[in-house]
Amino acid sequence: MTRTFTERVQTSAAAGWYTIIIAAVWMTLAWFAYLGLQHARPAWLLVLWGGGTTWDQVHWLMLIFMAVFKMILFILVMVTIWLTIWGRKLKKLGDS
């Protein structure tokens, strides 16, 4: 393999890890914000969601959103692990 391709794979793996870290921090902050809003239950939030929205609907939609986001994050972790392993194997093949 060419050295440039190996460097690109390793750079892609590094970018994937940074993306995972940013997404995990964002997801954690969003979850804490949701918990704070769920505890306070401000009336303006239901107005923003639209007329006739209940707190049960807000709770259910937030749980679905977080579950889907976690599934996407899991797929991203698997792809990044694969890129990392592949980049290391390419580097070994290029060194020998």
PDB file of N, CA and C in Angstrom:
ATOM      1  N   MET A   1       0.842  -1.186   0.000  1.00  0.00           N
ATOM      2  CA  MET A   1       0.000   0.000   0.000  1.00  0.00           C
ATOM      3  C   MET A   1       0.883   1.244   0.000  1.00  0.00           C
ATOM      4  N   THR A   2       0.349   2.289  -0.565  1.00  0.00           N
ATOM      5  CA  THR A   2       1.120   3.522  -0.588  1.00  0.00           C
ATOM      6  C   THR A   2       1.063   4.201   0.774  1.00  0.00           C
ATOM      7  N   ARG A   3       2.090   4.944   1.063  1.00  0.00           N
ATOM      8  CA  ARG A   3       2.179   5.631   2.348  1.00  0.00           C
ATOM      9  C   ARG A   3       1.055   6.663   2.516  1.00  0.00           C
ATOM     10  N   THR A   4       0.690   7.320   1.424  1.00  0.00           N
ATOM     11  CA  THR A   4      -0.368   8.330   1.481  1.00  0.00           C
ATOM     12  C   THR A   4      -1.697   7.705   1.881  1.00  0.00           C
ATOM     13  N   PHE A   5      -2.015   6.556   1.320  1.00  0.00           N
ATOM     14  CA  PHE A   5      -3.272   5.890   1.655  1.00  0.00           C
ATOM     15  C   PHE A   5      -3.295   5.475   3.123  1.00  0.00           C
ATOM     16  N   THR A   6      -2.185   4.948   3.615  1.00  0.00           N
ATOM     17  CA  THR A   6      -2.089   4.557   5.021  1.00  0.00           C
ATOM     18  C   THR A   6      -2.295   5.763   5.930  1.00  0.00           C
ATOM     19  N   GLU A   7      -1.688   6.877   5.573  1.00  0.00           N
ATOM     20  CA  GLU A   7      -1.847   8.092   6.380  1.00  0.00           C
ATOM     21  C   GLU A   7      -3.298   8.584   6.359  1.00  0.00           C
ATOM     22  N   ARG A   8      -3.940   8.453   5.220  1.00  0.00           N
ATOM     23  CA  ARG A   8      -5.344   8.876   5.132  1.00  0.00           C
ATOM     24  C   ARG A   8      -6.246   8.001   5.992  1.00  0.00           C
ATOM     25  N   VAL A   9      -5.999   6.703   6.002  1.00  0.00           N
ATOM     26  CA  VAL A   9      -6.809   5.804   6.832  1.00  0.00           C
ATOM     27  C   VAL A   9      -6.591   6.130   8.310  1.00  0.00           C
ATOM     28  N   GLN A  10      -5.350   6.346   8.713  1.00  0.00           N
ATOM     29  CA  GLN A  10      -5.063   6.671  10.106  1.00  0.00           C
ATOM     30  C   GLN A  10      -5.650   8.030  10.492  1.00  0.00           C
ATOM     31  N   THR A  11      -5.607   8.988   9.586  1.00  0.00           N
ATOM     32  CA  THR A  11      -6.206  10.293   9.848  1.00  0.00           C
ATOM     33  C   THR A  11      -7.722  10.178   9.970  1.00  0.00           C
ATOM     34  N   SER A  12      -8.324   9.339   9.144  1.00  0.00           N
ATOM     35  CA  SER A  12      -9.774   9.113   9.234  1.00  0.00           C
ATOM     36  C   SER A  12     -10.148   8.483  10.571  1.00  0.00           C
ATOM     37  N   ALA A  13      -9.325   7.560  11.043  1.00  0.00           N
ATOM     38  CA  ALA A  13      -9.584   6.935  12.342  1.00  0.00           C
ATOM     39  C   ALA A  13      -9.478   7.965  13.461  1.00  0.00           C
ATOM     40  N   ALA A  14      -8.470   8.825  13.401  1.00  0.00           N
ATOM     41  CA  ALA A  14      -8.314   9.863  14.427  1.00  0.00           C
ATOM     42  C   ALA A  14      -9.496  10.830  14.403  1.00  0.00           C
ATOM     43  N   ALA A  15      -9.935  11.216  13.212  1.00  0.00           N
ATOM     44  CA  ALA A  15     -11.095  12.100  13.095  1.00  0.00           C
ATOM     45  C   ALA A  15     -12.352  11.423  13.636  1.00  0.00           C
ATOM     46  N   GLY A  16     -12.471  10.125  13.415  1.00  0.00           N
ATOM     47  CA  GLY A  16     -13.607   9.377  13.958  1.00  0.00           C
ATOM     48  C   GLY A  16     -13.629   9.398  15.472  1.00  0.00           C
ATOM     49  N   TRP A  17     -12.452   9.232  16.096  1.00  0.00           N
ATOM     50  CA  TRP A  17     -12.405   9.263  17.565  1.00  0.00           C
ATOM     51  C   TRP A  17     -12.770  10.640  18.109  1.00  0.00           C
ATOM     52  N   TYR A  18     -12.313  11.703  17.439  1.00  0.00           N
ATOM     53  CA  TYR A  18     -12.700  13.046  17.875  1.00  0.00           C
ATOM     54  C   TYR A  18     -14.203  13.269  17.715  1.00  0.00           C
ATOM     55  N   THR A  19     -14.757  12.761  16.646  1.00  0.00           N
ATOM     56  CA  THR A  19     -16.198  12.883  16.426  1.00  0.00           C
ATOM     57  C   THR A  19     -16.983  12.130  17.498  1.00  0.00           C
ATOM     58  N   ILE A  20     -16.503  10.962  17.873  1.00  0.00           N
ATOM     59  CA  ILE A  20     -17.169  10.180  18.923  1.00  0.00           C
ATOM     60  C   ILE A  20     -17.133  10.919  20.251  1.00  0.00           C
ATOM     61  N   ILE A  21     -15.994  11.496  20.580  1.00  0.00           N
ATOM     62  CA  ILE A  21     -15.885  12.243  21.836  1.00  0.00           C
ATOM     63  C   ILE A  21     -16.844  13.421  21.848  1.00  0.00           C
ATOM     64  N   ILE A  22     -16.879  14.182  20.763  1.00  0.00           N
ATOM     65  CA  ILE A  22     -17.775  15.339  20.689  1.00  0.00           C
ATOM     66  C   ILE A  22     -19.233  14.898  20.770  1.00  0.00           C
ATOM     67  N   ALA A  23     -19.600  13.834  20.072  1.00  0.00           N
ATOM     68  CA  ALA A  23     -20.982  13.347  20.096  1.00  0.00           C
ATOM     69  C   ALA A  23     -21.374  12.840  21.482  1.00  0.00           C
ATOM     70  N   ALA A  24     -20.464  12.161  22.165  1.00  0.00           N
ATOM     71  CA  ALA A  24     -20.768  11.650  23.506  1.00  0.00           C
ATOM     72  C   ALA A  24     -20.946  12.802  24.497  1.00  0.00           C
ATOM     73  N   VAL A  25     -20.118  13.821  24.391  1.00  0.00           N
ATOM     74  CA  VAL A  25     -20.255  14.989  25.280  1.00  0.00           C
ATOM     75  C   VAL A  25     -21.568  15.703  24.994  1.00  0.00           C
ATOM     76  N   TRP A  26     -21.888  15.867  23.705  1.00  0.00           N
ATOM     77  CA  TRP A  26     -23.139  16.526  23.337  1.00  0.00           C
ATOM     78  C   TRP A  26     -24.343  15.743  23.846  1.00  0.00           C
ATOM     79  N   MET A  27     -24.289  14.420  23.698  1.00  0.00           N
ATOM     80  CA  MET A  27     -25.397  13.586  24.152  1.00  0.00           C
ATOM     81  C   MET A  27     -25.563  13.673  25.669  1.00  0.00           C
ATOM     82  N   THR A  28     -24.455  13.703  26.398  1.00  0.00           N
ATOM     83  CA  THR A  28     -24.521  13.817  27.856  1.00  0.00           C
ATOM     84  C   THR A  28     -25.108  15.159  28.269  1.00  0.00           C
ATOM     85  N   LEU A  29     -24.664  16.241  27.633  1.00  0.00           N
ATOM     86  CA  LEU A  29     -25.209  17.566  27.952  1.00  0.00           C
ATOM     87  C   LEU A  29     -26.696  17.654  27.613  1.00  0.00           C
ATOM     88  N   ALA A  30     -27.092  17.069  26.483  1.00  0.00           N
ATOM     89  CA  ALA A  30     -28.510  17.069  26.100  1.00  0.00           C
ATOM     90  C   ALA A  30     -29.340  16.284  27.111  1.00  0.00           C
ATOM     91  N   TRP A  31     -28.796  15.191  27.613  1.00  0.00           N
ATOM     92  CA  TRP A  31     -29.531  14.387  28.587  1.00  0.00           C
ATOM     93  C   TRP A  31     -29.707  15.147  29.900  1.00  0.00           C
ATOM     94  N   PHE A  32     -28.649  15.823  30.359  1.00  0.00           N
ATOM     95  CA  PHE A  32     -28.760  16.616  31.589  1.00  0.00           C
ATOM     96  C   PHE A  32     -29.728  17.785  31.415  1.00  0.00           C
ATOM     97  N   ALA A  33     -29.720  18.421  30.241  1.00  0.00           N
ATOM     98  CA  ALA A  33     -30.673  19.499  29.974  1.00  0.00           C
ATOM     99  C   ALA A  33     -32.100  18.960  29.984  1.00  0.00           C
ATOM    100  N   TYR A  34     -32.287  17.786  29.387  1.00  0.00           N
ATOM    101  CA  TYR A  34     -33.616  17.174  29.393  1.00  0.00           C
ATOM    102  C   TYR A  34     -34.071  16.864  30.815  1.00  0.00           C
ATOM    103  N   LEU A  35     -33.157  16.316  31.627  1.00  0.00           N
ATOM    104  CA  LEU A  35     -33.533  16.013  33.012  1.00  0.00           C
ATOM    105  C   LEU A  35     -33.917  17.265  33.774  1.00  0.00           C
ATOM    106  N   GLY A  36     -33.175  18.362  33.541  1.00  0.00           N
ATOM    107  CA  GLY A  36     -33.514  19.631  34.200  1.00  0.00           C
ATOM    108  C   GLY A  36     -34.867  20.154  33.760  1.00  0.00           C
ATOM    109  N   LEU A  37     -35.143  20.073  32.458  1.00  0.00           N
ATOM    110  CA  LEU A  37     -36.438  20.539  31.964  1.00  0.00           C
ATOM    111  C   LEU A  37     -37.570  19.623  32.413  1.00  0.00           C
ATOM    112  N   GLN A  38     -37.307  18.344  32.486  1.00  0.00           N
ATOM    113  CA  GLN A  38     -38.337  17.399  32.941  1.00  0.00           C
ATOM    114  C   GLN A  38     -38.670  17.641  34.414  1.00  0.00           C
ATOM    115  N   HIS A  39     -37.661  18.027  35.168  1.00  0.00           N
ATOM    116  CA  HIS A  39     -37.901  18.300  36.597  1.00  0.00           C
ATOM    117  C   HIS A  39     -38.667  19.614  36.775  1.00  0.00           C
ATOM    118  N   ALA A  40     -38.285  20.648  36.024  1.00  0.00           N
ATOM    119  CA  ALA A  40     -38.924  21.960  36.169  1.00  0.00           C
ATOM    120  C   ALA A  40     -40.279  22.027  35.460  1.00  0.00           C
ATOM    121  N   ARG A  41     -40.397  21.328  34.341  1.00  0.00           N
ATOM    122  CA  ARG A  41     -41.611  21.308  33.510  1.00  0.00           C
ATOM    123  C   ARG A  41     -42.163  22.723  33.232  1.00  0.00           C
ATOM    124  N   PRO A  42     -41.364  23.550  32.569  1.00  0.00           N
ATOM    125  CA  PRO A  42     -41.850  24.909  32.265  1.00  0.00           C
ATOM    126  C   PRO A  42     -42.944  24.878  31.198  1.00  0.00           C
ATOM    127  N   ALA A  43     -43.899  25.776  31.342  1.00  0.00           N
ATOM    128  CA  ALA A  43     -45.030  25.824  30.412  1.00  0.00           C
ATOM    129  C   ALA A  43     -44.590  26.263  29.014  1.00  0.00           C
ATOM    130  N   TRP A  44     -43.561  27.096  28.933  1.00  0.00           N
ATOM    131  CA  TRP A  44     -43.110  27.598  27.628  1.00  0.00           C
ATOM    132  C   TRP A  44     -42.578  26.477  26.738  1.00  0.00           C
ATOM    133  N   LEU A  45     -42.093  25.399  27.336  1.00  0.00           N
ATOM    134  CA  LEU A  45     -41.578  24.302  26.521  1.00  0.00           C
ATOM    135  C   LEU A  45     -42.698  23.599  25.759  1.00  0.00           C
ATOM    136  N   LEU A  46     -43.832  23.432  26.420  1.00  0.00           N
ATOM    137  CA  LEU A  46     -44.972  22.811  25.736  1.00  0.00           C
ATOM    138  C   LEU A  46     -45.505  23.720  24.636  1.00  0.00           C
ATOM    139  N   VAL A  47     -45.420  25.034  24.832  1.00  0.00           N
ATOM    140  CA  VAL A  47     -45.837  25.968  23.792  1.00  0.00           C
ATOM    141  C   VAL A  47     -44.917  25.853  22.583  1.00  0.00           C
ATOM    142  N   LEU A  48     -43.595  25.684  22.828  1.00  0.00           N
ATOM    143  CA  LEU A  48     -42.650  25.529  21.731  1.00  0.00           C
ATOM    144  C   LEU A  48     -42.887  24.240  20.948  1.00  0.00           C
ATOM    145  N   TRP A  49     -43.308  23.191  21.613  1.00  0.00           N
ATOM    146  CA  TRP A  49     -43.562  21.913  20.950  1.00  0.00           C
ATOM    147  C   TRP A  49     -44.864  21.953  20.150  1.00  0.00           C
ATOM    148  N   GLY A  50     -45.740  22.881  20.477  1.00  0.00           N
ATOM    149  CA  GLY A  50     -47.000  23.006  19.739  1.00  0.00           C
ATOM    150  C   GLY A  50     -48.181  22.764  20.661  1.00  0.00           C
ATOM    151  N   GLY A  51     -49.320  23.236  20.238  1.00  0.00           N
ATOM    152  CA  GLY A  51     -50.527  23.109  21.040  1.00  0.00           C
ATOM    153  C   GLY A  51     -50.954  21.661  21.224  1.00  0.00           C
ATOM    154  N   GLY A  52     -51.433  21.355  22.402  1.00  0.00           N
ATOM    155  CA  GLY A  52     -51.928  20.018  22.684  1.00  0.00           C
ATOM    156  C   GLY A  52     -50.859  19.008  23.053  1.00  0.00           C
ATOM    157  N   THR A  53     -49.606  19.432  23.157  1.00  0.00           N
ATOM    158  CA  THR A  53     -48.529  18.512  23.524  1.00  0.00           C
ATOM    159  C   THR A  53     -48.533  18.303  25.037  1.00  0.00           C
ATOM    160  N   THR A  54     -48.352  17.060  25.441  1.00  0.00           N
ATOM    161  CA  THR A  54     -48.296  16.750  26.870  1.00  0.00           C
ATOM    162  C   THR A  54     -46.871  16.379  27.269  1.00  0.00           C
ATOM    163  N   TRP A  55     -46.644  16.354  28.570  1.00  0.00           N
ATOM    164  CA  TRP A  55     -45.309  15.996  29.057  1.00  0.00           C
ATOM    165  C   TRP A  55     -44.988  14.534  28.780  1.00  0.00           C
ATOM    166  N   ASP A  56     -46.003  13.692  28.725  1.00  0.00           N
ATOM    167  CA  ASP A  56     -45.760  12.285  28.367  1.00  0.00           C
ATOM    168  C   ASP A  56     -45.231  12.161  26.944  1.00  0.00           C
ATOM    169  N   GLN A  57     -45.762  12.968  26.031  1.00  0.00           N
ATOM    170  CA  GLN A  57     -45.283  12.947  24.649  1.00  0.00           C
ATOM    171  C   GLN A  57     -43.846  13.461  24.563  1.00  0.00           C
ATOM    172  N   VAL A  58     -43.542  14.531  25.300  1.00  0.00           N
ATOM    173  CA  VAL A  58     -42.185  15.073  25.306  1.00  0.00           C
ATOM    174  C   VAL A  58     -41.221  14.024  25.846  1.00  0.00           C
ATOM    175  N   HIS A  59     -41.605  13.367  26.925  1.00  0.00           N
ATOM    176  CA  HIS A  59     -40.763  12.339  27.532  1.00  0.00           C
ATOM    177  C   HIS A  59     -40.517  11.190  26.542  1.00  0.00           C
ATOM    178  N   TRP A  60     -41.568  10.709  25.896  1.00  0.00           N
ATOM    179  CA  TRP A  60     -41.461   9.592  24.965  1.00  0.00           C
ATOM    180  C   TRP A  60     -40.587   9.944  23.764  1.00  0.00           C
ATOM    181  N   LEU A  61     -40.779  11.130  23.193  1.00  0.00           N
ATOM    182  CA  LEU A  61     -39.987  11.536  22.038  1.00  0.00           C
ATOM    183  C   LEU A  61     -38.511  11.717  22.395  1.00  0.00           C
ATOM    184  N   MET A  62     -38.242  12.233  23.570  1.00  0.00           N
ATOM    185  CA  MET A  62     -36.849  12.412  23.991  1.00  0.00           C
ATOM    186  C   MET A  62     -36.178  11.051  24.186  1.00  0.00           C
ATOM    187  N   LEU A  63     -36.886  10.096  24.750  1.00  0.00           N
ATOM    188  CA  LEU A  63     -36.307   8.764  24.908  1.00  0.00           C
ATOM    189  C   LEU A  63     -36.038   8.100  23.557  1.00  0.00           C
ATOM    190  N   ILE A  64     -36.941   8.269  22.608  1.00  0.00           N
ATOM    191  CA  ILE A  64     -36.724   7.719  21.266  1.00  0.00           C
ATOM    192  C   ILE A  64     -35.531   8.396  20.614  1.00  0.00           C
ATOM    193  N   PHE A  65     -35.440   9.713  20.719  1.00  0.00           N
ATOM    194  CA  PHE A  65     -34.327  10.455  20.140  1.00  0.00           C
ATOM    195  C   PHE A  65     -32.996   9.977  20.722  1.00  0.00           C
ATOM    196  N   MET A  66     -32.927   9.825  22.025  1.00  0.00           N
ATOM    197  CA  MET A  66     -31.673   9.391  22.654  1.00  0.00           C
ATOM    198  C   MET A  66     -31.324   7.953  22.256  1.00  0.00           C
ATOM    199  N   ALA A  67     -32.320   7.089  22.142  1.00  0.00           N
ATOM    200  CA  ALA A  67     -32.053   5.700  21.739  1.00  0.00           C
ATOM    201  C   ALA A  67     -31.511   5.638  20.311  1.00  0.00           C
ATOM    202  N   VAL A  68     -32.102   6.391  19.405  1.00  0.00           N
ATOM    203  CA  VAL A  68     -31.631   6.406  18.020  1.00  0.00           C
ATOM    204  C   VAL A  68     -30.225   7.004  17.952  1.00  0.00           C
ATOM    205  N   PHE A  69     -29.997   8.072  18.710  1.00  0.00           N
ATOM    206  CA  PHE A  69     -28.679   8.696  18.716  1.00  0.00           C
ATOM    207  C   PHE A  69     -27.618   7.732  19.249  1.00  0.00           C
ATOM    208  N   LYS A  70     -27.955   6.970  20.270  1.00  0.00           N
ATOM    209  CA  LYS A  70     -27.011   5.988  20.803  1.00  0.00           C
ATOM    210  C   LYS A  70     -26.723   4.884  19.796  1.00  0.00           C
ATOM    211  N   MET A  71     -27.738   4.462  19.026  1.00  0.00           N
ATOM    212  CA  MET A  71     -27.508   3.446  17.995  1.00  0.00           C
ATOM    213  C   MET A  71     -26.577   3.976  16.910  1.00  0.00           C
ATOM    214  N   ILE A  72     -26.789   5.207  16.492  1.00  0.00           N
ATOM    215  CA  ILE A  72     -25.918   5.810  15.487  1.00  0.00           C
ATOM    216  C   ILE A  72     -24.503   5.947  16.033  1.00  0.00           C
ATOM    217  N   LEU A  73     -24.376   6.345  17.288  1.00  0.00           N
ATOM    218  CA  LEU A  73     -23.063   6.474  17.910  1.00  0.00           C
ATOM    219  C   LEU A  73     -22.375   5.113  18.010  1.00  0.00           C
ATOM    220  N   PHE A  74     -23.122   4.059  18.289  1.00  0.00           N
ATOM    221  CA  PHE A  74     -22.557   2.718  18.352  1.00  0.00           C
ATOM    222  C   PHE A  74     -21.999   2.292  16.991  1.00  0.00           C
ATOM    223  N   ILE A  75     -22.750   2.574  15.922  1.00  0.00           N
ATOM    224  CA  ILE A  75     -22.277   2.246  14.577  1.00  0.00           C
ATOM    225  C   ILE A  75     -21.013   3.033  14.260  1.00  0.00           C
ATOM    226  N   LEU A  76     -20.986   4.293  14.661  1.00  0.00           N
ATOM    227  CA  LEU A  76     -19.797   5.111  14.435  1.00  0.00           C
ATOM    228  C   LEU A  76     -18.594   4.566  15.196  1.00  0.00           C
ATOM    229  N   VAL A  77     -18.805   4.083  16.406  1.00  0.00           N
ATOM    230  CA  VAL A  77     -17.711   3.482  17.182  1.00  0.00           C
ATOM    231  C   VAL A  77     -17.192   2.231  16.477  1.00  0.00           C
ATOM    232  N   MET A  78     -18.079   1.391  15.985  1.00  0.00           N
ATOM    233  CA  MET A  78     -17.644   0.174  15.289  1.00  0.00           C
ATOM    234  C   MET A  78     -16.829   0.504  14.033  1.00  0.00           C
ATOM    235  N   VAL A  79     -17.281   1.474  13.258  1.00  0.00           N
ATOM    236  CA  VAL A  79     -16.546   1.865  12.051  1.00  0.00           C
ATOM    237  C   VAL A  79     -15.187   2.451  12.419  1.00  0.00           C
ATOM    238  N   THR A  80     -15.134   3.243  13.468  1.00  0.00           N
ATOM    239  CA  THR A  80     -13.870   3.858  13.880  1.00  0.00           C
ATOM    240  C   THR A  80     -12.896   2.814  14.408  1.00  0.00           C
ATOM    241  N   ILE A  81     -13.384   1.839  15.147  1.00  0.00           N
ATOM    242  CA  ILE A  81     -12.509   0.753  15.600  1.00  0.00           C
ATOM    243  C   ILE A  81     -11.949   0.001  14.399  1.00  0.00           C
ATOM    244  N   TRP A  82     -12.805  -0.276  13.418  1.00  0.00           N
ATOM    245  CA  TRP A  82     -12.355  -0.964  12.214  1.00  0.00           C
ATOM    246  C   TRP A  82     -11.291  -0.149  11.480  1.00  0.00           C
ATOM    247  N   LEU A  83     -11.503   1.167  11.349  1.00  0.00           N
ATOM    248  CA  LEU A  83     -10.517   2.022  10.688  1.00  0.00           C
ATOM    249  C   LEU A  83      -9.195   2.034  11.442  1.00  0.00           C
ATOM    250  N   THR A  84      -9.265   2.061  12.766  1.00  0.00           N
ATOM    251  CA  THR A  84      -8.048   2.074  13.576  1.00  0.00           C
ATOM    252  C   THR A  84      -7.249   0.787  13.370  1.00  0.00           C
ATOM    253  N   ILE A  85      -7.926  -0.345  13.436  1.00  0.00           N
ATOM    254  CA  ILE A  85      -7.244  -1.635  13.249  1.00  0.00           C
ATOM    255  C   ILE A  85      -6.684  -1.747  11.835  1.00  0.00           C
ATOM    256  N   TRP A  86      -7.464  -1.319  10.853  1.00  0.00           N
ATOM    257  CA  TRP A  86      -7.022  -1.384   9.472  1.00  0.00           C
ATOM    258  C   TRP A  86      -5.801  -0.486   9.240  1.00  0.00           C
ATOM    259  N   GLY A  87      -5.832   0.719   9.828  1.00  0.00           N
ATOM    260  CA  GLY A  87      -4.699   1.627   9.693  1.00  0.00           C
ATOM    261  C   GLY A  87      -3.424   1.059  10.298  1.00  0.00           C
ATOM    262  N   ARG A  88      -3.548   0.392  11.432  1.00  0.00           N
ATOM    263  CA  ARG A  88      -2.371  -0.231  12.062  1.00  0.00           C
ATOM    264  C   ARG A  88      -1.832  -1.380  11.212  1.00  0.00           C
ATOM    265  N   LYS A  89      -2.730  -2.175  10.640  1.00  0.00           N
ATOM    266  CA  LYS A  89      -2.275  -3.276   9.783  1.00  0.00           C
ATOM    267  C   LYS A  89      -1.587  -2.746   8.525  1.00  0.00           C
ATOM    268  N   LEU A  90      -2.143  -1.685   7.955  1.00  0.00           N
ATOM    269  CA  LEU A  90      -1.512  -1.083   6.778  1.00  0.00           C
ATOM    270  C   LEU A  90      -0.130  -0.548   7.119  1.00  0.00           C
ATOM    271  N   LYS A  91      -0.007   0.039   8.293  1.00  0.00           N
ATOM    272  CA  LYS A  91       1.295   0.579   8.710  1.00  0.00           C
ATOM    273  C   LYS A  91       2.310  -0.545   8.886  1.00  0.00           C
ATOM    274  N   LYS A  92       1.877  -1.658   9.494  1.00  0.00           N
ATOM    275  CA  LYS A  92       2.779  -2.815   9.655  1.00  0.00           C
ATOM    276  C   LYS A  92       3.213  -3.353   8.304  1.00  0.00           C
ATOM    277  N   LEU A  93       2.280  -3.456   7.371  1.00  0.00           N
ATOM    278  CA  LEU A  93       2.620  -3.959   6.043  1.00  0.00           C
ATOM    279  C   LEU A  93       3.588  -3.017   5.324  1.00  0.00           C
ATOM    280  N   GLY A  94       3.425  -1.716   5.549  1.00  0.00           N
ATOM    281  CA  GLY A  94       4.313  -0.757   4.900  1.00  0.00           C
ATOM    282  C   GLY A  94       5.691  -0.712   5.514  1.00  0.00           C
ATOM    283  N   ASP A  95       5.795  -1.005   6.836  1.00  0.00           N
ATOM    284  CA  ASP A  95       7.081  -0.976   7.526  1.00  0.00           C
ATOM    285  C   ASP A  95       7.932  -2.187   7.184  1.00  0.00           C
ATOM    286  N   SER A  96       7.278  -3.307   6.902  1.00  0.00           N
ATOM    287  CA  SER A  96       8.064  -4.534   6.650  1.00  0.00           C
ATOM    288  C   SER A  96       8.494  -4.691   5.229  1.00  0.00           C
TER     289      SER A  96
END
